[in-house]
Amino acid sequence: MNSSNRSKKRVEPSPTPPKEGFKYSKPSTSDDFPHDCCHDFSLCERFNQPRYVTANPINYKFIKEMRDYLKNNPTEAEDIMWEHLKNKNIGHKIRRQHIIADYITDFVCLRKKVVIEIDGKIHLKQKEYDEFRTAVLNNLGYKIIRFTNEEVFANPELIAKKLKEVLDNSPEDP
């Protein structure tokens, strides 16, 4: 891949939560992915991309706009946590509003394959969607760590310390 393609930043939005009554089924086989190597986009031979390219290339252009919006308009809790996570403040490179497959994660350490989610009250109303999303990300090899807005507001330093411990003790993705 030439350097001009690498310099383009990828943007990832989460799909809109489902309407009430919609039921998700958890992905269980490789048939749930567009082609054989898409069970892990970071290893996808078909697209042969660097580690940070984790978005589903088929849906990326549709998700990018939402990701840009979320990155430019963080919640108060995300903004507080970003101050503790940016610039390797906890000893690990963290990306914010990063697209993985078809989902926008709040924060992710790609080297350790750990996703950090800060959940507001909306997540109380979309538990099935969150469970499905978590199952997809787990299936791709990511560990998901969730904190509530209230936990972040109460003690962001403690959250940062817990995240550092988790990341320090997580194996690196080859």
N, C-alpha and C. Protein backbone atom coordinates (compact mmCIF):
# COMPACT_ATOMS: atom_id res chain seq x y z
N MET A 1 0.86 -1.18 0.00
CA MET A 1 0.00 0.00 0.00
C MET A 1 0.89 1.22 0.00
N ASN A 2 0.55 2.21 -0.80
CA ASN A 2 1.40 3.39 -0.86
C ASN A 2 1.15 4.31 0.32
N SER A 3 2.10 5.20 0.56
CA SER A 3 2.04 6.07 1.74
C SER A 3 0.88 7.05 1.70
N SER A 4 0.41 7.44 0.52
CA SER A 4 -0.71 8.38 0.46
C SER A 4 -1.98 7.76 1.02
N ASN A 5 -2.17 6.47 0.84
CA ASN A 5 -3.35 5.80 1.40
C ASN A 5 -3.23 5.66 2.91
N ARG A 6 -2.04 5.46 3.41
CA ARG A 6 -1.84 5.29 4.85
C ARG A 6 -2.09 6.58 5.61
N SER A 7 -1.83 7.71 4.98
CA SER A 7 -1.95 8.98 5.69
C SER A 7 -3.40 9.38 5.93
N LYS A 8 -4.34 8.77 5.25
CA LYS A 8 -5.74 9.10 5.45
C LYS A 8 -6.20 8.53 6.78
N LYS A 9 -6.84 9.36 7.60
CA LYS A 9 -7.32 8.90 8.90
C LYS A 9 -8.64 8.20 8.73
N ARG A 10 -8.83 7.14 9.51
CA ARG A 10 -10.08 6.41 9.48
C ARG A 10 -10.97 6.94 10.59
N VAL A 11 -12.25 6.97 10.34
CA VAL A 11 -13.21 7.47 11.31
C VAL A 11 -14.29 6.43 11.49
N GLU A 12 -14.73 6.21 12.74
CA GLU A 12 -15.68 5.15 12.97
C GLU A 12 -16.86 5.52 13.85
N PRO A 13 -18.07 5.45 13.32
CA PRO A 13 -19.25 5.69 14.13
C PRO A 13 -19.93 4.39 14.50
N SER A 14 -20.61 4.39 15.60
CA SER A 14 -21.41 3.24 15.98
C SER A 14 -22.74 3.32 15.27
N PRO A 15 -23.29 2.16 14.93
CA PRO A 15 -24.62 2.21 14.35
C PRO A 15 -25.62 2.73 15.38
N THR A 16 -26.72 3.25 14.91
CA THR A 16 -27.76 3.74 15.80
C THR A 16 -28.32 2.57 16.59
N PRO A 17 -28.58 2.76 17.89
CA PRO A 17 -29.17 1.67 18.67
C PRO A 17 -30.48 1.22 18.04
N PRO A 18 -30.83 -0.05 18.23
CA PRO A 18 -32.01 -0.60 17.58
C PRO A 18 -33.30 -0.02 18.14
N LYS A 19 -34.34 -0.12 17.33
CA LYS A 19 -35.66 0.29 17.80
C LYS A 19 -36.15 -0.73 18.81
N GLU A 20 -37.03 -0.29 19.67
CA GLU A 20 -37.56 -1.16 20.72
C GLU A 20 -38.16 -2.42 20.10
N GLY A 21 -37.90 -3.55 20.72
CA GLY A 21 -38.45 -4.81 20.27
C GLY A 21 -37.56 -5.57 19.31
N PHE A 22 -36.50 -4.93 18.78
CA PHE A 22 -35.60 -5.61 17.87
C PHE A 22 -34.70 -6.55 18.66
N LYS A 23 -34.53 -7.77 18.19
CA LYS A 23 -33.70 -8.76 18.89
C LYS A 23 -32.45 -9.05 18.06
N TYR A 24 -31.32 -9.02 18.72
CA TYR A 24 -30.06 -9.35 18.07
C TYR A 24 -29.76 -10.82 18.29
N SER A 25 -29.03 -11.40 17.34
CA SER A 25 -28.49 -12.73 17.58
C SER A 25 -26.99 -12.59 17.56
N LYS A 26 -26.32 -13.26 18.47
CA LYS A 26 -24.87 -13.14 18.59
C LYS A 26 -24.18 -13.84 17.43
N PRO A 27 -23.11 -13.23 16.89
CA PRO A 27 -22.38 -13.90 15.82
C PRO A 27 -21.71 -15.15 16.37
N SER A 28 -21.79 -16.23 15.63
CA SER A 28 -21.25 -17.48 16.16
C SER A 28 -20.29 -18.16 15.21
N THR A 29 -20.35 -17.83 13.94
CA THR A 29 -19.50 -18.52 12.98
C THR A 29 -18.85 -17.51 12.06
N SER A 30 -17.90 -18.00 11.29
CA SER A 30 -17.24 -17.11 10.33
C SER A 30 -18.20 -16.69 9.23
N ASP A 31 -19.36 -17.35 9.12
CA ASP A 31 -20.36 -16.94 8.13
C ASP A 31 -20.91 -15.56 8.44
N ASP A 32 -20.74 -15.09 9.70
CA ASP A 32 -21.24 -13.79 10.09
C ASP A 32 -20.36 -12.65 9.60
N PHE A 33 -19.26 -12.96 8.93
CA PHE A 33 -18.34 -11.95 8.44
C PHE A 33 -18.31 -11.99 6.92
N PRO A 34 -18.01 -10.85 6.26
CA PRO A 34 -18.09 -10.78 4.80
C PRO A 34 -17.18 -11.74 4.05
N HIS A 35 -16.01 -12.04 4.57
CA HIS A 35 -15.15 -13.03 3.93
C HIS A 35 -14.27 -13.68 4.99
N ASP A 36 -13.57 -14.74 4.62
CA ASP A 36 -12.87 -15.60 5.58
C ASP A 36 -11.93 -14.87 6.52
N CYS A 37 -11.21 -13.87 6.05
CA CYS A 37 -10.23 -13.22 6.91
C CYS A 37 -10.81 -12.09 7.74
N CYS A 38 -12.09 -11.80 7.63
CA CYS A 38 -12.67 -10.66 8.35
C CYS A 38 -13.03 -10.97 9.79
N HIS A 39 -12.71 -12.15 10.28
CA HIS A 39 -12.97 -12.38 11.70
C HIS A 39 -12.05 -11.51 12.54
N ASP A 40 -10.98 -11.00 11.95
CA ASP A 40 -10.10 -10.05 12.62
C ASP A 40 -9.56 -9.11 11.55
N PHE A 41 -10.15 -7.91 11.47
CA PHE A 41 -9.76 -6.99 10.41
C PHE A 41 -8.30 -6.61 10.47
N SER A 42 -7.67 -6.67 11.67
CA SER A 42 -6.26 -6.30 11.76
C SER A 42 -5.38 -7.36 11.11
N LEU A 43 -5.93 -8.57 10.86
CA LEU A 43 -5.16 -9.63 10.21
C LEU A 43 -5.64 -9.90 8.79
N CYS A 44 -6.59 -9.11 8.35
CA CYS A 44 -7.25 -9.36 7.08
C CYS A 44 -6.26 -9.32 5.92
N GLU A 45 -6.01 -10.46 5.32
CA GLU A 45 -5.08 -10.54 4.21
C GLU A 45 -5.62 -9.81 2.99
N ARG A 46 -6.93 -9.84 2.83
CA ARG A 46 -7.53 -9.22 1.66
C ARG A 46 -7.27 -7.72 1.62
N PHE A 47 -7.23 -7.09 2.78
CA PHE A 47 -7.04 -5.65 2.82
C PHE A 47 -5.63 -5.26 3.28
N ASN A 48 -4.87 -6.19 3.83
CA ASN A 48 -3.46 -6.01 4.19
C ASN A 48 -3.17 -4.60 4.72
N GLN A 49 -3.78 -4.26 5.85
CA GLN A 49 -3.68 -2.93 6.42
C GLN A 49 -2.84 -2.95 7.70
N PRO A 50 -2.34 -1.79 8.13
CA PRO A 50 -1.64 -1.71 9.41
C PRO A 50 -2.58 -1.97 10.58
N ARG A 51 -2.02 -2.19 11.76
CA ARG A 51 -2.79 -2.55 12.95
C ARG A 51 -3.91 -1.57 13.27
N TYR A 52 -3.69 -0.28 13.05
CA TYR A 52 -4.70 0.72 13.42
C TYR A 52 -5.91 0.72 12.50
N VAL A 53 -5.82 0.04 11.38
CA VAL A 53 -6.95 -0.05 10.45
C VAL A 53 -7.80 -1.23 10.88
N THR A 54 -8.81 -0.94 11.68
CA THR A 54 -9.64 -2.01 12.26
C THR A 54 -11.09 -1.94 11.81
N ALA A 55 -11.44 -0.93 11.05
CA ALA A 55 -12.83 -0.76 10.61
C ALA A 55 -13.16 -1.73 9.49
N ASN A 56 -14.41 -2.08 9.42
CA ASN A 56 -14.90 -2.88 8.31
C ASN A 56 -14.81 -2.00 7.06
N PRO A 57 -13.99 -2.36 6.09
CA PRO A 57 -13.79 -1.49 4.92
C PRO A 57 -15.06 -1.32 4.09
N ILE A 58 -15.97 -2.23 4.21
CA ILE A 58 -17.22 -2.16 3.43
C ILE A 58 -18.11 -1.04 3.96
N ASN A 59 -18.15 -0.86 5.29
CA ASN A 59 -19.05 0.12 5.91
C ASN A 59 -18.36 1.38 6.40
N TYR A 60 -17.06 1.44 6.26
CA TYR A 60 -16.29 2.54 6.84
C TYR A 60 -16.80 3.92 6.44
N LYS A 61 -17.05 4.11 5.17
CA LYS A 61 -17.46 5.45 4.71
C LYS A 61 -18.77 5.90 5.35
N PHE A 62 -19.62 4.95 5.74
CA PHE A 62 -20.90 5.30 6.36
C PHE A 62 -20.72 5.64 7.84
N ILE A 63 -19.69 5.08 8.45
CA ILE A 63 -19.47 5.24 9.89
C ILE A 63 -18.59 6.46 10.19
N LYS A 64 -17.76 6.83 9.26
CA LYS A 64 -16.77 7.89 9.46
C LYS A 64 -17.39 9.22 9.91
N GLU A 65 -18.47 9.62 9.30
CA GLU A 65 -19.09 10.90 9.63
C GLU A 65 -19.56 10.93 11.09
N MET A 66 -20.17 9.85 11.54
CA MET A 66 -20.62 9.77 12.93
C MET A 66 -19.42 9.80 13.87
N ARG A 67 -18.37 9.09 13.53
CA ARG A 67 -17.16 9.08 14.36
C ARG A 67 -16.58 10.47 14.49
N ASP A 68 -16.54 11.21 13.40
CA ASP A 68 -16.02 12.58 13.44
C ASP A 68 -16.86 13.44 14.38
N TYR A 69 -18.17 13.28 14.29
CA TYR A 69 -19.06 14.05 15.16
C TYR A 69 -18.80 13.71 16.63
N LEU A 70 -18.70 12.41 16.94
CA LEU A 70 -18.48 11.99 18.32
C LEU A 70 -17.13 12.46 18.85
N LYS A 71 -16.13 12.44 18.00
CA LYS A 71 -14.80 12.87 18.41
C LYS A 71 -14.77 14.38 18.70
N ASN A 72 -15.53 15.13 17.93
CA ASN A 72 -15.57 16.59 18.11
C ASN A 72 -16.56 17.04 19.17
N ASN A 73 -17.41 16.14 19.64
CA ASN A 73 -18.43 16.46 20.63
C ASN A 73 -18.47 15.41 21.73
N PRO A 74 -17.37 15.24 22.47
CA PRO A 74 -17.34 14.19 23.50
C PRO A 74 -18.29 14.51 24.65
N THR A 75 -18.71 13.46 25.34
CA THR A 75 -19.48 13.68 26.56
C THR A 75 -18.53 14.24 27.61
N GLU A 76 -19.09 14.80 28.65
CA GLU A 76 -18.26 15.35 29.73
C GLU A 76 -17.37 14.27 30.33
N ALA A 77 -17.93 13.08 30.55
CA ALA A 77 -17.16 11.98 31.13
C ALA A 77 -16.03 11.54 30.20
N GLU A 78 -16.30 11.46 28.89
CA GLU A 78 -15.24 11.09 27.93
C GLU A 78 -14.14 12.14 27.93
N ASP A 79 -14.53 13.40 27.99
CA ASP A 79 -13.55 14.49 28.01
C ASP A 79 -12.64 14.40 29.23
N ILE A 80 -13.24 14.13 30.38
CA ILE A 80 -12.46 13.98 31.62
C ILE A 80 -11.48 12.81 31.50
N MET A 81 -11.98 11.67 31.00
CA MET A 81 -11.10 10.49 30.90
C MET A 81 -9.99 10.72 29.87
N TRP A 82 -10.31 11.41 28.79
CA TRP A 82 -9.29 11.64 27.76
C TRP A 82 -8.11 12.41 28.33
N GLU A 83 -8.35 13.33 29.24
CA GLU A 83 -7.26 14.08 29.87
C GLU A 83 -6.31 13.14 30.62
N HIS A 84 -6.83 12.03 31.11
CA HIS A 84 -6.01 11.06 31.86
C HIS A 84 -5.39 10.00 30.95
N LEU A 85 -5.93 9.83 29.73
CA LEU A 85 -5.47 8.75 28.86
C LEU A 85 -4.59 9.21 27.70
N LYS A 86 -4.74 10.46 27.28
CA LYS A 86 -4.00 10.92 26.11
C LYS A 86 -2.50 11.02 26.40
N ASN A 87 -1.72 11.09 25.33
CA ASN A 87 -0.26 11.26 25.42
C ASN A 87 0.42 10.18 26.26
N LYS A 88 -0.12 8.99 26.23
CA LYS A 88 0.45 7.85 26.99
C LYS A 88 0.57 8.16 28.48
N ASN A 89 -0.38 8.93 29.01
CA ASN A 89 -0.35 9.28 30.44
C ASN A 89 -0.37 8.06 31.35
N ILE A 90 -0.92 6.94 30.87
CA ILE A 90 -0.93 5.72 31.69
C ILE A 90 0.07 4.69 31.16
N GLY A 91 0.96 5.14 30.30
CA GLY A 91 2.02 4.27 29.80
C GLY A 91 1.64 3.46 28.56
N HIS A 92 0.48 3.72 27.99
CA HIS A 92 0.01 2.99 26.81
C HIS A 92 -0.65 3.95 25.85
N LYS A 93 -0.48 3.71 24.55
CA LYS A 93 -1.13 4.55 23.54
C LYS A 93 -2.62 4.20 23.50
N ILE A 94 -3.43 5.20 23.70
CA ILE A 94 -4.89 5.05 23.69
C ILE A 94 -5.44 5.90 22.54
N ARG A 95 -6.34 5.33 21.79
CA ARG A 95 -7.05 6.06 20.74
C ARG A 95 -8.47 6.32 21.21
N ARG A 96 -9.02 7.46 20.83
CA ARG A 96 -10.41 7.73 21.20
C ARG A 96 -11.29 7.73 19.96
N GLN A 97 -12.55 7.32 20.17
CA GLN A 97 -13.53 7.24 19.09
C GLN A 97 -12.94 6.50 17.89
N HIS A 98 -12.44 5.31 18.16
CA HIS A 98 -11.80 4.50 17.12
C HIS A 98 -12.78 3.45 16.60
N ILE A 99 -12.82 3.28 15.30
CA ILE A 99 -13.73 2.31 14.68
C ILE A 99 -13.10 0.93 14.70
N ILE A 100 -13.86 -0.03 15.19
CA ILE A 100 -13.48 -1.44 15.12
C ILE A 100 -14.66 -2.17 14.51
N ALA A 101 -14.42 -2.87 13.41
CA ALA A 101 -15.48 -3.53 12.65
C ALA A 101 -16.50 -2.45 12.26
N ASP A 102 -17.72 -2.54 12.78
CA ASP A 102 -18.76 -1.56 12.47
C ASP A 102 -19.13 -0.71 13.68
N TYR A 103 -18.26 -0.62 14.67
CA TYR A 103 -18.58 0.06 15.92
C TYR A 103 -17.54 1.12 16.25
N ILE A 104 -18.02 2.18 16.90
CA ILE A 104 -17.13 3.23 17.39
C ILE A 104 -16.92 2.98 18.88
N THR A 105 -15.67 2.80 19.25
CA THR A 105 -15.35 2.61 20.67
C THR A 105 -15.01 3.96 21.28
N ASP A 106 -15.30 4.11 22.57
CA ASP A 106 -14.93 5.36 23.24
C ASP A 106 -13.41 5.50 23.25
N PHE A 107 -12.72 4.46 23.73
CA PHE A 107 -11.26 4.44 23.79
C PHE A 107 -10.80 3.02 23.51
N VAL A 108 -9.59 2.88 22.96
CA VAL A 108 -9.03 1.55 22.73
C VAL A 108 -7.51 1.62 22.79
N CYS A 109 -6.93 0.57 23.36
CA CYS A 109 -5.49 0.35 23.27
C CYS A 109 -5.33 -0.80 22.27
N LEU A 110 -4.96 -0.49 21.05
CA LEU A 110 -4.88 -1.51 20.00
C LEU A 110 -3.79 -2.54 20.28
N ARG A 111 -2.69 -2.11 20.83
CA ARG A 111 -1.58 -3.03 21.09
C ARG A 111 -1.98 -4.13 22.07
N LYS A 112 -2.87 -3.81 23.00
CA LYS A 112 -3.31 -4.77 24.01
C LYS A 112 -4.70 -5.32 23.71
N LYS A 113 -5.35 -4.79 22.68
CA LYS A 113 -6.72 -5.18 22.28
C LYS A 113 -7.69 -5.04 23.45
N VAL A 114 -7.64 -3.86 24.09
CA VAL A 114 -8.54 -3.54 25.20
C VAL A 114 -9.36 -2.31 24.82
N VAL A 115 -10.68 -2.46 24.89
CA VAL A 115 -11.63 -1.38 24.61
C VAL A 115 -12.13 -0.84 25.94
N ILE A 116 -12.18 0.49 26.06
CA ILE A 116 -12.65 1.15 27.28
C ILE A 116 -13.91 1.92 26.92
N GLU A 117 -15.00 1.60 27.58
CA GLU A 117 -16.28 2.26 27.32
C GLU A 117 -16.71 3.04 28.56
N ILE A 118 -17.19 4.25 28.33
CA ILE A 118 -17.74 5.09 29.39
C ILE A 118 -19.24 5.16 29.12
N ASP A 119 -20.02 4.56 29.99
CA ASP A 119 -21.45 4.40 29.75
C ASP A 119 -22.29 5.43 30.49
N GLY A 120 -23.09 6.17 29.73
CA GLY A 120 -24.06 7.09 30.30
C GLY A 120 -25.39 6.37 30.50
N LYS A 121 -26.39 7.10 30.86
CA LYS A 121 -27.70 6.52 31.16
C LYS A 121 -28.35 5.85 29.95
N ILE A 122 -28.00 6.25 28.73
CA ILE A 122 -28.57 5.64 27.53
C ILE A 122 -28.33 4.14 27.50
N HIS A 123 -27.22 3.72 28.10
CA HIS A 123 -26.88 2.29 28.06
C HIS A 123 -27.83 1.45 28.90
N LEU A 124 -28.57 2.08 29.81
CA LEU A 124 -29.58 1.35 30.57
C LEU A 124 -30.73 0.93 29.67
N LYS A 125 -30.93 1.65 28.58
CA LYS A 125 -32.04 1.39 27.66
C LYS A 125 -31.64 0.53 26.46
N GLN A 126 -30.36 0.25 26.31
CA GLN A 126 -29.92 -0.51 25.13
C GLN A 126 -29.02 -1.69 25.52
N LYS A 127 -29.42 -2.40 26.56
CA LYS A 127 -28.60 -3.51 27.06
C LYS A 127 -28.38 -4.60 26.02
N GLU A 128 -29.42 -4.97 25.27
CA GLU A 128 -29.26 -6.02 24.26
C GLU A 128 -28.27 -5.59 23.18
N TYR A 129 -28.38 -4.35 22.75
CA TYR A 129 -27.46 -3.81 21.75
C TYR A 129 -26.02 -3.86 22.28
N ASP A 130 -25.82 -3.41 23.52
CA ASP A 130 -24.49 -3.42 24.12
C ASP A 130 -23.94 -4.84 24.25
N GLU A 131 -24.80 -5.78 24.62
CA GLU A 131 -24.37 -7.18 24.73
C GLU A 131 -23.94 -7.72 23.37
N PHE A 132 -24.71 -7.40 22.34
CA PHE A 132 -24.37 -7.85 20.99
C PHE A 132 -23.04 -7.25 20.55
N ARG A 133 -22.90 -5.94 20.74
CA ARG A 133 -21.67 -5.23 20.37
C ARG A 133 -20.47 -5.82 21.10
N THR A 134 -20.63 -6.07 22.39
CA THR A 134 -19.56 -6.67 23.19
C THR A 134 -19.20 -8.06 22.64
N ALA A 135 -20.21 -8.84 22.28
CA ALA A 135 -19.96 -10.18 21.73
C ALA A 135 -19.16 -10.10 20.43
N VAL A 136 -19.50 -9.15 19.57
CA VAL A 136 -18.78 -8.98 18.31
C VAL A 136 -17.32 -8.59 18.59
N LEU A 137 -17.13 -7.61 19.47
CA LEU A 137 -15.77 -7.16 19.79
C LEU A 137 -14.96 -8.26 20.48
N ASN A 138 -15.60 -9.01 21.38
CA ASN A 138 -14.93 -10.15 22.02
C ASN A 138 -14.54 -11.19 20.97
N ASN A 139 -15.42 -11.43 20.02
CA ASN A 139 -15.15 -12.39 18.95
C ASN A 139 -13.95 -11.96 18.11
N LEU A 140 -13.70 -10.66 18.06
CA LEU A 140 -12.54 -10.12 17.34
C LEU A 140 -11.28 -10.09 18.21
N GLY A 141 -11.42 -10.56 19.46
CA GLY A 141 -10.26 -10.64 20.35
C GLY A 141 -10.09 -9.48 21.31
N TYR A 142 -11.06 -8.57 21.38
CA TYR A 142 -10.96 -7.42 22.26
C TYR A 142 -11.59 -7.70 23.62
N LYS A 143 -10.92 -7.22 24.65
CA LYS A 143 -11.47 -7.25 26.00
C LYS A 143 -12.17 -5.90 26.20
N ILE A 144 -13.36 -5.92 26.78
CA ILE A 144 -14.13 -4.69 26.99
C ILE A 144 -14.15 -4.37 28.47
N ILE A 145 -13.81 -3.12 28.80
CA ILE A 145 -13.87 -2.64 30.18
C ILE A 145 -14.86 -1.48 30.19
N ARG A 146 -15.83 -1.55 31.10
CA ARG A 146 -16.87 -0.51 31.16
C ARG A 146 -16.84 0.22 32.49
N PHE A 147 -17.03 1.53 32.40
CA PHE A 147 -17.19 2.38 33.57
C PHE A 147 -18.40 3.26 33.33
N THR A 148 -19.07 3.66 34.39
CA THR A 148 -20.21 4.56 34.25
C THR A 148 -19.72 6.01 34.30
N ASN A 149 -20.55 6.90 33.80
CA ASN A 149 -20.24 8.33 33.91
C ASN A 149 -20.00 8.71 35.36
N GLU A 150 -20.83 8.17 36.25
CA GLU A 150 -20.74 8.51 37.67
C GLU A 150 -19.39 8.10 38.25
N GLU A 151 -18.87 6.94 37.85
CA GLU A 151 -17.55 6.50 38.32
C GLU A 151 -16.46 7.46 37.85
N VAL A 152 -16.59 7.90 36.61
CA VAL A 152 -15.60 8.84 36.06
C VAL A 152 -15.66 10.17 36.80
N PHE A 153 -16.87 10.69 37.01
CA PHE A 153 -17.01 11.97 37.70
C PHE A 153 -16.49 11.89 39.14
N ALA A 154 -16.72 10.75 39.79
CA ALA A 154 -16.34 10.60 41.19
C ALA A 154 -14.82 10.51 41.38
N ASN A 155 -14.14 9.77 40.48
CA ASN A 155 -12.71 9.58 40.71
C ASN A 155 -12.00 9.14 39.41
N PRO A 156 -11.77 10.07 38.49
CA PRO A 156 -11.12 9.70 37.24
C PRO A 156 -9.69 9.18 37.42
N GLU A 157 -9.01 9.65 38.46
CA GLU A 157 -7.65 9.18 38.71
C GLU A 157 -7.65 7.68 39.05
N LEU A 158 -8.63 7.25 39.84
CA LEU A 158 -8.76 5.83 40.18
C LEU A 158 -9.05 4.99 38.94
N ILE A 159 -9.91 5.49 38.06
CA ILE A 159 -10.22 4.79 36.81
C ILE A 159 -8.95 4.65 35.98
N ALA A 160 -8.19 5.74 35.86
CA ALA A 160 -6.94 5.70 35.09
C ALA A 160 -5.96 4.69 35.70
N LYS A 161 -5.89 4.64 37.02
CA LYS A 161 -5.01 3.69 37.70
C LYS A 161 -5.45 2.25 37.41
N LYS A 162 -6.75 1.99 37.48
CA LYS A 162 -7.28 0.64 37.18
C LYS A 162 -6.97 0.25 35.74
N LEU A 163 -7.15 1.19 34.82
CA LEU A 163 -6.87 0.91 33.41
C LEU A 163 -5.39 0.61 33.19
N LYS A 164 -4.53 1.36 33.84
CA LYS A 164 -3.09 1.11 33.72
C LYS A 164 -2.76 -0.30 34.19
N GLU A 165 -3.34 -0.72 35.32
CA GLU A 165 -3.10 -2.08 35.84
C GLU A 165 -3.56 -3.13 34.84
N VAL A 166 -4.76 -2.94 34.29
CA VAL A 166 -5.30 -3.90 33.31
C VAL A 166 -4.38 -3.98 32.09
N LEU A 167 -4.00 -2.83 31.56
CA LEU A 167 -3.16 -2.79 30.38
C LEU A 167 -1.77 -3.33 30.65
N ASP A 168 -1.19 -2.99 31.81
CA ASP A 168 0.13 -3.51 32.16
C ASP A 168 0.13 -5.04 32.22
N ASN A 169 -1.01 -5.62 32.60
CA ASN A 169 -1.09 -7.07 32.78
C ASN A 169 -1.74 -7.80 31.60
N SER A 170 -2.04 -7.08 30.53
CA SER A 170 -2.63 -7.69 29.33
C SER A 170 -1.52 -8.01 28.34
N PRO A 171 -1.62 -9.16 27.67
CA PRO A 171 -0.60 -9.50 26.67
C PRO A 171 -0.73 -8.60 25.44
N GLU A 172 0.40 -8.39 24.77
CA GLU A 172 0.38 -7.61 23.54
C GLU A 172 -0.18 -8.46 22.42
N ASP A 173 -0.91 -7.81 21.52
CA ASP A 173 -1.43 -8.48 20.32
C ASP A 173 -0.25 -8.66 19.38
N PRO A 174 -0.05 -9.87 18.89
CA PRO A 174 1.10 -10.09 18.00
C PRO A 174 1.07 -9.28 16.72
